[in-house]
């Protein structure tokens, strides 16, 4: 079977019927959604959940100005200085600094 991929820019526009159907679904209260084929998780199941090992936060490209000596120190560790900088910032974030 051939895999078909579409980018949002190349998708055909929604028909009026599709727009009306989406609006109806968006307005539907959660209590009216039939979840009989996908039962809700129990509190015990939710408590056991962990983030998968393969989870990767979304990266965002930025421009930042660093002191020259700080940048030199980061680069002195070789390739991957941006990843090291991210790890340092993440550790500080998680420690609440």
PDB file of N, CA and C in Angstrom:
ATOM      1  N   UNK A   1       0.847  -1.170   0.000  1.00  0.00           N
ATOM      2  CA  UNK A   1       0.000   0.000   0.000  1.00  0.00           C
ATOM      3  C   UNK A   1       0.896   1.238   0.000  1.00  0.00           C
ATOM      4  N   UNK A   2       0.604   2.182  -0.863  1.00  0.00           N
ATOM      5  CA  UNK A   2       1.390   3.402  -0.975  1.00  0.00           C
ATOM      6  C   UNK A   2       0.992   4.381   0.129  1.00  0.00           C
ATOM      7  N   UNK A   3       1.996   4.944   0.775  1.00  0.00           N
ATOM      8  CA  UNK A   3       1.748   5.914   1.837  1.00  0.00           C
ATOM      9  C   UNK A   3       1.551   7.301   1.214  1.00  0.00           C
ATOM     10  N   UNK A   4       0.494   7.976   1.611  1.00  0.00           N
ATOM     11  CA  UNK A   4       0.206   9.307   1.097  1.00  0.00           C
ATOM     12  C   UNK A   4       0.394  10.305   2.226  1.00  0.00           C
ATOM     13  N   UNK A   5       1.210  11.319   1.966  1.00  0.00           N
ATOM     14  CA  UNK A   5       1.434  12.362   2.961  1.00  0.00           C
ATOM     15  C   UNK A   5       0.938  13.682   2.420  1.00  0.00           C
ATOM     16  N   UNK A   6       0.368  14.487   3.284  1.00  0.00           N
ATOM     17  CA  UNK A   6      -0.131  15.799   2.901  1.00  0.00           C
ATOM     18  C   UNK A   6       0.403  16.837   3.877  1.00  0.00           C
ATOM     19  N   UNK A   7       0.789  17.974   3.369  1.00  0.00           N
ATOM     20  CA  UNK A   7       1.121  19.112   4.223  1.00  0.00           C
ATOM     21  C   UNK A   7      -0.131  19.976   4.294  1.00  0.00           C
ATOM     22  N   UNK A   8      -0.311  20.670   5.412  1.00  0.00           N
ATOM     23  CA  UNK A   8      -1.533  21.457   5.565  1.00  0.00           C
ATOM     24  C   UNK A   8      -1.686  22.489   4.446  1.00  0.00           C
ATOM     25  N   UNK A   9      -0.576  22.956   3.897  1.00  0.00           N
ATOM     26  CA  UNK A   9      -0.648  23.948   2.831  1.00  0.00           C
ATOM     27  C   UNK A   9      -1.174  23.354   1.522  1.00  0.00           C
ATOM     28  N   UNK A  10      -1.067  22.039   1.351  1.00  0.00           N
ATOM     29  CA  UNK A  10      -1.484  21.426   0.093  1.00  0.00           C
ATOM     30  C   UNK A  10      -2.830  20.713   0.196  1.00  0.00           C
ATOM     31  N   UNK A  11      -3.433  20.723   1.376  1.00  0.00           N
ATOM     32  CA  UNK A  11      -4.737  20.076   1.522  1.00  0.00           C
ATOM     33  C   UNK A  11      -5.814  20.910   0.839  1.00  0.00           C
ATOM     34  N   UNK A  12      -6.807  20.253   0.267  1.00  0.00           N
ATOM     35  CA  UNK A  12      -7.900  21.025  -0.338  1.00  0.00           C
ATOM     36  C   UNK A  12      -8.702  21.738   0.755  1.00  0.00           C
ATOM     37  N   UNK A  13      -9.330  22.857   0.436  1.00  0.00           N
ATOM     38  CA  UNK A  13     -10.121  23.567   1.447  1.00  0.00           C
ATOM     39  C   UNK A  13     -11.312  22.720   1.899  1.00  0.00           C
ATOM     40  N   UNK A  14     -11.743  22.947   3.136  1.00  0.00           N
ATOM     41  CA  UNK A  14     -12.900  22.219   3.669  1.00  0.00           C
ATOM     42  C   UNK A  14     -14.171  22.649   2.944  1.00  0.00           C
ATOM     43  N   UNK A  15     -15.046  21.677   2.752  1.00  0.00           N
ATOM     44  CA  UNK A  15     -16.351  21.996   2.167  1.00  0.00           C
ATOM     45  C   UNK A  15     -17.227  22.608   3.247  1.00  0.00           C
ATOM     46  N   UNK A  16     -18.329  23.208   2.847  1.00  0.00           N
ATOM     47  CA  UNK A  16     -19.256  23.794   3.819  1.00  0.00           C
ATOM     48  C   UNK A  16     -19.818  22.709   4.741  1.00  0.00           C
ATOM     49  N   UNK A  17     -20.072  21.517   4.193  1.00  0.00           N
ATOM     50  CA  UNK A  17     -20.583  20.406   5.007  1.00  0.00           C
ATOM     51  C   UNK A  17     -19.547  19.995   6.051  1.00  0.00           C
ATOM     52  N   UNK A  18     -18.263  19.943   5.662  1.00  0.00           N
ATOM     53  CA  UNK A  18     -17.199  19.592   6.608  1.00  0.00           C
ATOM     54  C   UNK A  18     -17.066  20.656   7.699  1.00  0.00           C
ATOM     55  N   UNK A  19     -17.144  21.920   7.306  1.00  0.00           N
ATOM     56  CA  UNK A  19     -17.060  23.006   8.288  1.00  0.00           C
ATOM     57  C   UNK A  19     -18.218  22.928   9.283  1.00  0.00           C
ATOM     58  N   UNK A  20     -19.421  22.643   8.770  1.00  0.00           N
ATOM     59  CA  UNK A  20     -20.594  22.536   9.643  1.00  0.00           C
ATOM     60  C   UNK A  20     -20.444  21.357  10.601  1.00  0.00           C
ATOM     61  N   UNK A  21     -19.930  20.229  10.102  1.00  0.00           N
ATOM     62  CA  UNK A  21     -19.736  19.044  10.938  1.00  0.00           C
ATOM     63  C   UNK A  21     -18.711  19.328  12.037  1.00  0.00           C
ATOM     64  N   UNK A  22     -17.606  19.998  11.697  1.00  0.00           N
ATOM     65  CA  UNK A  22     -16.591  20.342  12.695  1.00  0.00           C
ATOM     66  C   UNK A  22     -17.144  21.305  13.745  1.00  0.00           C
ATOM     67  N   UNK A  23     -17.940  22.267  13.316  1.00  0.00           N
ATOM     68  CA  UNK A  23     -18.542  23.211  14.256  1.00  0.00           C
ATOM     69  C   UNK A  23     -19.494  22.486  15.207  1.00  0.00           C
ATOM     70  N   UNK A  24     -20.261  21.525  14.678  1.00  0.00           N
ATOM     71  CA  UNK A  24     -21.190  20.753  15.511  1.00  0.00           C
ATOM     72  C   UNK A  24     -20.421  19.932  16.541  1.00  0.00           C
ATOM     73  N   UNK A  25     -19.337  19.305  16.118  1.00  0.00           N
ATOM     74  CA  UNK A  25     -18.528  18.505  17.037  1.00  0.00           C
ATOM     75  C   UNK A  25     -17.854  19.382  18.095  1.00  0.00           C
ATOM     76  N   UNK A  26     -17.370  20.531  17.704  1.00  0.00           N
ATOM     77  CA  UNK A  26     -16.711  21.429  18.661  1.00  0.00           C
ATOM     78  C   UNK A  26     -17.688  21.930  19.717  1.00  0.00           C
ATOM     79  N   UNK A  27     -18.952  22.088  19.329  1.00  0.00           N
ATOM     80  CA  UNK A  27     -19.964  22.589  20.270  1.00  0.00           C
ATOM     81  C   UNK A  27     -20.531  21.487  21.160  1.00  0.00           C
ATOM     82  N   UNK A  28     -20.243  20.225  20.841  1.00  0.00           N
ATOM     83  CA  UNK A  28     -20.810  19.107  21.594  1.00  0.00           C
ATOM     84  C   UNK A  28     -20.171  19.022  22.979  1.00  0.00           C
ATOM     85  N   UNK A  29     -21.001  18.974  24.040  1.00  0.00           N
ATOM     86  CA  UNK A  29     -20.444  18.819  25.387  1.00  0.00           C
ATOM     87  C   UNK A  29     -19.793  17.443  25.559  1.00  0.00           C
ATOM     88  N   UNK A  30     -18.784  17.379  26.416  1.00  0.00           N
ATOM     89  CA  UNK A  30     -18.075  16.121  26.652  1.00  0.00           C
ATOM     90  C   UNK A  30     -19.011  15.003  27.094  1.00  0.00           C
ATOM     91  N   UNK A  31     -20.052  15.355  27.809  1.00  0.00           N
ATOM     92  CA  UNK A  31     -20.982  14.338  28.325  1.00  0.00           C
ATOM     93  C   UNK A  31     -21.732  13.614  27.212  1.00  0.00           C
ATOM     94  N   UNK A  32     -21.796  14.208  26.040  1.00  0.00           N
ATOM     95  CA  UNK A  32     -22.508  13.583  24.916  1.00  0.00           C
ATOM     96  C   UNK A  32     -21.598  12.732  24.035  1.00  0.00           C
ATOM     97  N   UNK A  33     -20.307  12.693  24.332  1.00  0.00           N
ATOM     98  CA  UNK A  33     -19.375  11.910  23.526  1.00  0.00           C
ATOM     99  C   UNK A  33     -19.445  10.456  23.949  1.00  0.00           C
ATOM    100  N   UNK A  34     -19.647   9.579  22.986  1.00  0.00           N
ATOM    101  CA  UNK A  34     -19.738   8.143  23.258  1.00  0.00           C
ATOM    102  C   UNK A  34     -18.325   7.574  23.396  1.00  0.00           C
ATOM    103  N   UNK A  35     -17.951   7.223  24.604  1.00  0.00           N
ATOM    104  CA  UNK A  35     -16.624   6.646  24.840  1.00  0.00           C
ATOM    105  C   UNK A  35     -16.712   5.159  25.182  1.00  0.00           C
ATOM    106  N   UNK A  36     -17.817   4.527  24.808  1.00  0.00           N
ATOM    107  CA  UNK A  36     -18.007   3.119  25.180  1.00  0.00           C
ATOM    108  C   UNK A  36     -16.945   2.215  24.560  1.00  0.00           C
ATOM    109  N   UNK A  37     -16.400   2.612  23.397  1.00  0.00           N
ATOM    110  CA  UNK A  37     -15.367   1.775  22.779  1.00  0.00           C
ATOM    111  C   UNK A  37     -13.962   2.173  23.239  1.00  0.00           C
ATOM    112  N   UNK A  38     -13.860   3.244  23.998  1.00  0.00           N
ATOM    113  CA  UNK A  38     -12.579   3.669  24.567  1.00  0.00           C
ATOM    114  C   UNK A  38     -12.820   4.133  26.007  1.00  0.00           C
ATOM    115  N   UNK A  39     -12.996   3.206  26.929  1.00  0.00           N
ATOM    116  CA  UNK A  39     -13.321   3.578  28.305  1.00  0.00           C
ATOM    117  C   UNK A  39     -12.263   4.504  28.899  1.00  0.00           C
ATOM    118  N   UNK A  40     -12.717   5.405  29.756  1.00  0.00           N
ATOM    119  CA  UNK A  40     -11.802   6.329  30.404  1.00  0.00           C
ATOM    120  C   UNK A  40     -10.874   5.586  31.352  1.00  0.00           C
ATOM    121  N   UNK A  41      -9.688   6.120  31.522  1.00  0.00           N
ATOM    122  CA  UNK A  41      -8.702   5.504  32.411  1.00  0.00           C
ATOM    123  C   UNK A  41      -9.073   5.760  33.869  1.00  0.00           C
ATOM    124  N   UNK A  42      -8.762   4.813  34.705  1.00  0.00           N
ATOM    125  CA  UNK A  42      -9.028   4.971  36.137  1.00  0.00           C
ATOM    126  C   UNK A  42      -7.922   5.821  36.765  1.00  0.00           C
ATOM    127  N   UNK A  43      -8.153   6.313  37.970  1.00  0.00           N
ATOM    128  CA  UNK A  43      -7.134   7.085  38.684  1.00  0.00           C
ATOM    129  C   UNK A  43      -5.877   6.246  38.914  1.00  0.00           C
ATOM    130  N   UNK A  44      -6.054   4.955  39.179  1.00  0.00           N
ATOM    131  CA  UNK A  44      -4.906   4.062  39.391  1.00  0.00           C
ATOM    132  C   UNK A  44      -4.079   3.946  38.111  1.00  0.00           C
ATOM    133  N   UNK A  45      -4.742   3.823  36.966  1.00  0.00           N
ATOM    134  CA  UNK A  45      -4.019   3.736  35.700  1.00  0.00           C
ATOM    135  C   UNK A  45      -3.268   5.037  35.408  1.00  0.00           C
ATOM    136  N   UNK A  46      -3.917   6.156  35.667  1.00  0.00           N
ATOM    137  CA  UNK A  46      -3.279   7.452  35.434  1.00  0.00           C
ATOM    138  C   UNK A  46      -2.068   7.634  36.347  1.00  0.00           C
ATOM    139  N   UNK A  47      -2.164   7.161  37.580  1.00  0.00           N
ATOM    140  CA  UNK A  47      -1.060   7.305  38.532  1.00  0.00           C
ATOM    141  C   UNK A  47       0.162   6.496  38.112  1.00  0.00           C
ATOM    142  N   UNK A  48      -0.050   5.402  37.391  1.00  0.00           N
ATOM    143  CA  UNK A  48       1.059   4.547  36.954  1.00  0.00           C
ATOM    144  C   UNK A  48       1.738   5.055  35.692  1.00  0.00           C
ATOM    145  N   UNK A  49       1.147   6.026  35.030  1.00  0.00           N
ATOM    146  CA  UNK A  49       1.685   6.497  33.752  1.00  0.00           C
ATOM    147  C   UNK A  49       2.984   7.268  33.944  1.00  0.00           C
ATOM    148  N   UNK A  50       3.898   7.051  33.030  1.00  0.00           N
ATOM    149  CA  UNK A  50       5.154   7.795  33.005  1.00  0.00           C
ATOM    150  C   UNK A  50       5.401   8.270  31.583  1.00  0.00           C
ATOM    151  N   UNK A  51       6.232   9.272  31.463  1.00  0.00           N
ATOM    152  CA  UNK A  51       6.599   9.770  30.142  1.00  0.00           C
ATOM    153  C   UNK A  51       7.471   8.717  29.457  1.00  0.00           C
ATOM    154  N   UNK A  52       7.204   8.412  28.189  1.00  0.00           N
ATOM    155  CA  UNK A  52       8.007   7.391  27.513  1.00  0.00           C
ATOM    156  C   UNK A  52       9.469   7.808  27.392  1.00  0.00           C
ATOM    157  N   UNK A  53      10.353   6.819  27.344  1.00  0.00           N
ATOM    158  CA  UNK A  53      11.785   7.079  27.233  1.00  0.00           C
ATOM    159  C   UNK A  53      12.129   7.849  25.969  1.00  0.00           C
ATOM    160  N   UNK A  54      11.346   7.677  24.925  1.00  0.00           N
ATOM    161  CA  UNK A  54      11.653   8.310  23.649  1.00  0.00           C
ATOM    162  C   UNK A  54      11.087   9.729  23.544  1.00  0.00           C
ATOM    163  N   UNK A  55      10.488  10.252  24.635  1.00  0.00           N
ATOM    164  CA  UNK A  55       9.916  11.597  24.606  1.00  0.00           C
ATOM    165  C   UNK A  55      11.005  12.628  24.368  1.00  0.00           C
ATOM    166  N   UNK A  56      10.768  13.530  23.437  1.00  0.00           N
ATOM    167  CA  UNK A  56      11.692  14.630  23.179  1.00  0.00           C
ATOM    168  C   UNK A  56      10.898  15.924  23.133  1.00  0.00           C
ATOM    169  N   UNK A  57      11.230  16.871  24.001  1.00  0.00           N
ATOM    170  CA  UNK A  57      10.536  18.154  23.930  1.00  0.00           C
ATOM    171  C   UNK A  57      10.787  18.826  22.578  1.00  0.00           C
ATOM    172  N   UNK A  58       9.846  19.624  22.148  1.00  0.00           N
ATOM    173  CA  UNK A  58       9.985  20.350  20.893  1.00  0.00           C
ATOM    174  C   UNK A  58      11.092  21.384  21.042  1.00  0.00           C
ATOM    175  N   UNK A  59      11.984  21.425  20.078  1.00  0.00           N
ATOM    176  CA  UNK A  59      13.070  22.398  20.084  1.00  0.00           C
ATOM    177  C   UNK A  59      12.608  23.659  19.361  1.00  0.00           C
ATOM    178  N   UNK A  60      13.079  24.804  19.823  1.00  0.00           N
ATOM    179  CA  UNK A  60      12.758  26.075  19.204  1.00  0.00           C
ATOM    180  C   UNK A  60      14.062  26.814  18.957  1.00  0.00           C
ATOM    181  N   UNK A  61      14.255  27.265  17.735  1.00  0.00           N
ATOM    182  CA  UNK A  61      15.481  27.988  17.393  1.00  0.00           C
ATOM    183  C   UNK A  61      15.395  29.412  17.926  1.00  0.00           C
ATOM    184  N   UNK A  62      16.464  29.856  18.566  1.00  0.00           N
ATOM    185  CA  UNK A  62      16.519  31.209  19.126  1.00  0.00           C
ATOM    186  C   UNK A  62      17.850  31.852  18.775  1.00  0.00           C
ATOM    187  N   UNK A  63      17.943  33.137  19.037  1.00  0.00           N
ATOM    188  CA  UNK A  63      19.209  33.853  18.983  1.00  0.00           C
ATOM    189  C   UNK A  63      19.463  34.357  20.386  1.00  0.00           C
ATOM    190  N   UNK A  64      20.632  34.062  20.914  1.00  0.00           N
ATOM    191  CA  UNK A  64      20.958  34.481  22.281  1.00  0.00           C
ATOM    192  C   UNK A  64      22.357  35.075  22.287  1.00  0.00           C
ATOM    193  N   UNK A  65      22.573  36.039  23.160  1.00  0.00           N
ATOM    194  CA  UNK A  65      23.890  36.638  23.319  1.00  0.00           C
ATOM    195  C   UNK A  65      24.484  36.119  24.621  1.00  0.00           C
ATOM    196  N   UNK A  66      25.684  35.535  24.510  1.00  0.00           N
ATOM    197  CA  UNK A  66      26.384  34.997  25.671  1.00  0.00           C
ATOM    198  C   UNK A  66      27.712  35.723  25.835  1.00  0.00           C
ATOM    199  N   UNK A  67      28.195  35.767  27.060  1.00  0.00           N
ATOM    200  CA  UNK A  67      29.536  36.296  27.284  1.00  0.00           C
ATOM    201  C   UNK A  67      30.518  35.401  26.535  1.00  0.00           C
ATOM    202  N   UNK A  68      31.563  36.019  25.970  1.00  0.00           N
ATOM    203  CA  UNK A  68      32.529  35.289  25.148  1.00  0.00           C
ATOM    204  C   UNK A  68      33.174  34.147  25.927  1.00  0.00           C
ATOM    205  N   UNK A  69      33.484  34.383  27.210  1.00  0.00           N
ATOM    206  CA  UNK A  69      34.140  33.330  27.986  1.00  0.00           C
ATOM    207  C   UNK A  69      33.206  32.161  28.270  1.00  0.00           C
ATOM    208  N   UNK A  70      31.916  32.451  28.436  1.00  0.00           N
ATOM    209  CA  UNK A  70      30.929  31.388  28.661  1.00  0.00           C
ATOM    210  C   UNK A  70      30.804  30.534  27.397  1.00  0.00           C
ATOM    211  N   UNK A  71      30.715  31.198  26.246  1.00  0.00           N
ATOM    212  CA  UNK A  71      30.617  30.466  24.988  1.00  0.00           C
ATOM    213  C   UNK A  71      31.876  29.637  24.734  1.00  0.00           C
ATOM    214  N   UNK A  72      33.044  30.224  25.021  1.00  0.00           N
ATOM    215  CA  UNK A  72      34.298  29.482  24.842  1.00  0.00           C
ATOM    216  C   UNK A  72      34.327  28.251  25.733  1.00  0.00           C
ATOM    217  N   UNK A  73      33.850  28.387  26.975  1.00  0.00           N
ATOM    218  CA  UNK A  73      33.804  27.243  27.893  1.00  0.00           C
ATOM    219  C   UNK A  73      32.875  26.153  27.359  1.00  0.00           C
ATOM    220  N   UNK A  74      31.681  26.557  26.871  1.00  0.00           N
ATOM    221  CA  UNK A  74      30.746  25.567  26.322  1.00  0.00           C
ATOM    222  C   UNK A  74      31.350  24.856  25.119  1.00  0.00           C
ATOM    223  N   UNK A  75      31.999  25.617  24.242  1.00  0.00           N
ATOM    224  CA  UNK A  75      32.575  25.023  23.035  1.00  0.00           C
ATOM    225  C   UNK A  75      33.819  24.191  23.334  1.00  0.00           C
ATOM    226  N   UNK A  76      34.480  24.452  24.466  1.00  0.00           N
ATOM    227  CA  UNK A  76      35.701  23.710  24.797  1.00  0.00           C
ATOM    228  C   UNK A  76      35.427  22.226  25.022  1.00  0.00           C
ATOM    229  N   UNK A  77      34.181  21.873  25.274  1.00  0.00           N
ATOM    230  CA  UNK A  77      33.814  20.474  25.462  1.00  0.00           C
ATOM    231  C   UNK A  77      33.645  19.727  24.156  1.00  0.00           C
ATOM    232  N   UNK A  78      33.864  20.426  23.037  1.00  0.00           N
ATOM    233  CA  UNK A  78      33.735  19.778  21.737  1.00  0.00           C
ATOM    234  C   UNK A  78      32.332  19.900  21.171  1.00  0.00           C
ATOM    235  N   UNK A  79      32.070  19.081  20.195  1.00  0.00           N
ATOM    236  CA  UNK A  79      30.785  19.107  19.504  1.00  0.00           C
ATOM    237  C   UNK A  79      29.633  18.902  20.489  1.00  0.00           C
ATOM    238  N   UNK A  80      28.549  19.624  20.260  1.00  0.00           N
ATOM    239  CA  UNK A  80      27.370  19.469  21.107  1.00  0.00           C
ATOM    240  C   UNK A  80      27.233  20.544  22.169  1.00  0.00           C
ATOM    241  N   UNK A  81      27.887  21.688  21.957  1.00  0.00           N
ATOM    242  CA  UNK A  81      27.826  22.725  22.990  1.00  0.00           C
ATOM    243  C   UNK A  81      26.412  23.256  23.194  1.00  0.00           C
ATOM    244  N   UNK A  82      25.600  23.283  22.133  1.00  0.00           N
ATOM    245  CA  UNK A  82      24.223  23.760  22.291  1.00  0.00           C
ATOM    246  C   UNK A  82      23.395  22.777  23.121  1.00  0.00           C
ATOM    247  N   UNK A  83      23.648  21.492  22.949  1.00  0.00           N
ATOM    248  CA  UNK A  83      22.960  20.494  23.765  1.00  0.00           C
ATOM    249  C   UNK A  83      23.386  20.602  25.225  1.00  0.00           C
ATOM    250  N   UNK A  84      24.680  20.869  25.453  1.00  0.00           N
ATOM    251  CA  UNK A  84      25.150  21.065  26.833  1.00  0.00           C
ATOM    252  C   UNK A  84      24.500  22.296  27.451  1.00  0.00           C
ATOM    253  N   UNK A  85      24.404  23.364  26.679  1.00  0.00           N
ATOM    254  CA  UNK A  85      23.762  24.581  27.179  1.00  0.00           C
ATOM    255  C   UNK A  85      22.308  24.292  27.535  1.00  0.00           C
ATOM    256  N   UNK A  86      21.616  23.542  26.688  1.00  0.00           N
ATOM    257  CA  UNK A  86      20.229  23.189  26.957  1.00  0.00           C
ATOM    258  C   UNK A  86      20.112  22.345  28.224  1.00  0.00           C
ATOM    259  N   UNK A  87      21.033  21.402  28.398  1.00  0.00           N
ATOM    260  CA  UNK A  87      21.004  20.541  29.590  1.00  0.00           C
ATOM    261  C   UNK A  87      21.233  21.357  30.859  1.00  0.00           C
ATOM    262  N   UNK A  88      22.159  22.324  30.800  1.00  0.00           N
ATOM    263  CA  UNK A  88      22.424  23.192  31.961  1.00  0.00           C
ATOM    264  C   UNK A  88      21.189  24.014  32.290  1.00  0.00           C
ATOM    265  N   UNK A  89      20.555  24.578  31.277  1.00  0.00           N
ATOM    266  CA  UNK A  89      19.354  25.393  31.500  1.00  0.00           C
ATOM    267  C   UNK A  89      18.196  24.538  32.011  1.00  0.00           C
ATOM    268  N   UNK A  90      18.057  23.324  31.464  1.00  0.00           N
ATOM    269  CA  UNK A  90      16.970  22.444  31.915  1.00  0.00           C
ATOM    270  C   UNK A  90      17.165  22.055  33.373  1.00  0.00           C
ATOM    271  N   UNK A  91      18.402  21.738  33.764  1.00  0.00           N
ATOM    272  CA  UNK A  91      18.686  21.372  35.156  1.00  0.00           C
ATOM    273  C   UNK A  91      18.321  22.551  36.069  1.00  0.00           C
ATOM    274  N   UNK A  92      18.715  23.767  35.684  1.00  0.00           N
ATOM    275  CA  UNK A  92      18.390  24.950  36.483  1.00  0.00           C
ATOM    276  C   UNK A  92      16.883  25.153  36.564  1.00  0.00           C
ATOM    277  N   UNK A  93      16.183  24.936  35.454  1.00  0.00           N
ATOM    278  CA  UNK A  93      14.725  25.080  35.439  1.00  0.00           C
ATOM    279  C   UNK A  93      14.070  24.090  36.395  1.00  0.00           C
ATOM    280  N   UNK A  94      14.507  22.820  36.318  1.00  0.00           N
ATOM    281  CA  UNK A  94      13.892  21.781  37.149  1.00  0.00           C
ATOM    282  C   UNK A  94      14.211  21.956  38.626  1.00  0.00           C
ATOM    283  N   UNK A  95      15.368  22.554  38.921  1.00  0.00           N
ATOM    284  CA  UNK A  95      15.733  22.817  40.314  1.00  0.00           C
ATOM    285  C   UNK A  95      15.061  24.091  40.835  1.00  0.00           C
ATOM    286  N   UNK A  96      14.366  24.792  39.942  1.00  0.00           N
ATOM    287  CA  UNK A  96      13.636  25.993  40.351  1.00  0.00           C
ATOM    288  C   UNK A  96      14.503  27.209  40.552  1.00  0.00           C
ATOM    289  N   UNK A  97      15.636  27.247  39.889  1.00  0.00           N
ATOM    290  CA  UNK A  97      16.536  28.399  40.042  1.00  0.00           C
ATOM    291  C   UNK A  97      16.178  29.479  39.059  1.00  0.00           C
TER     292      UNK A  97
END
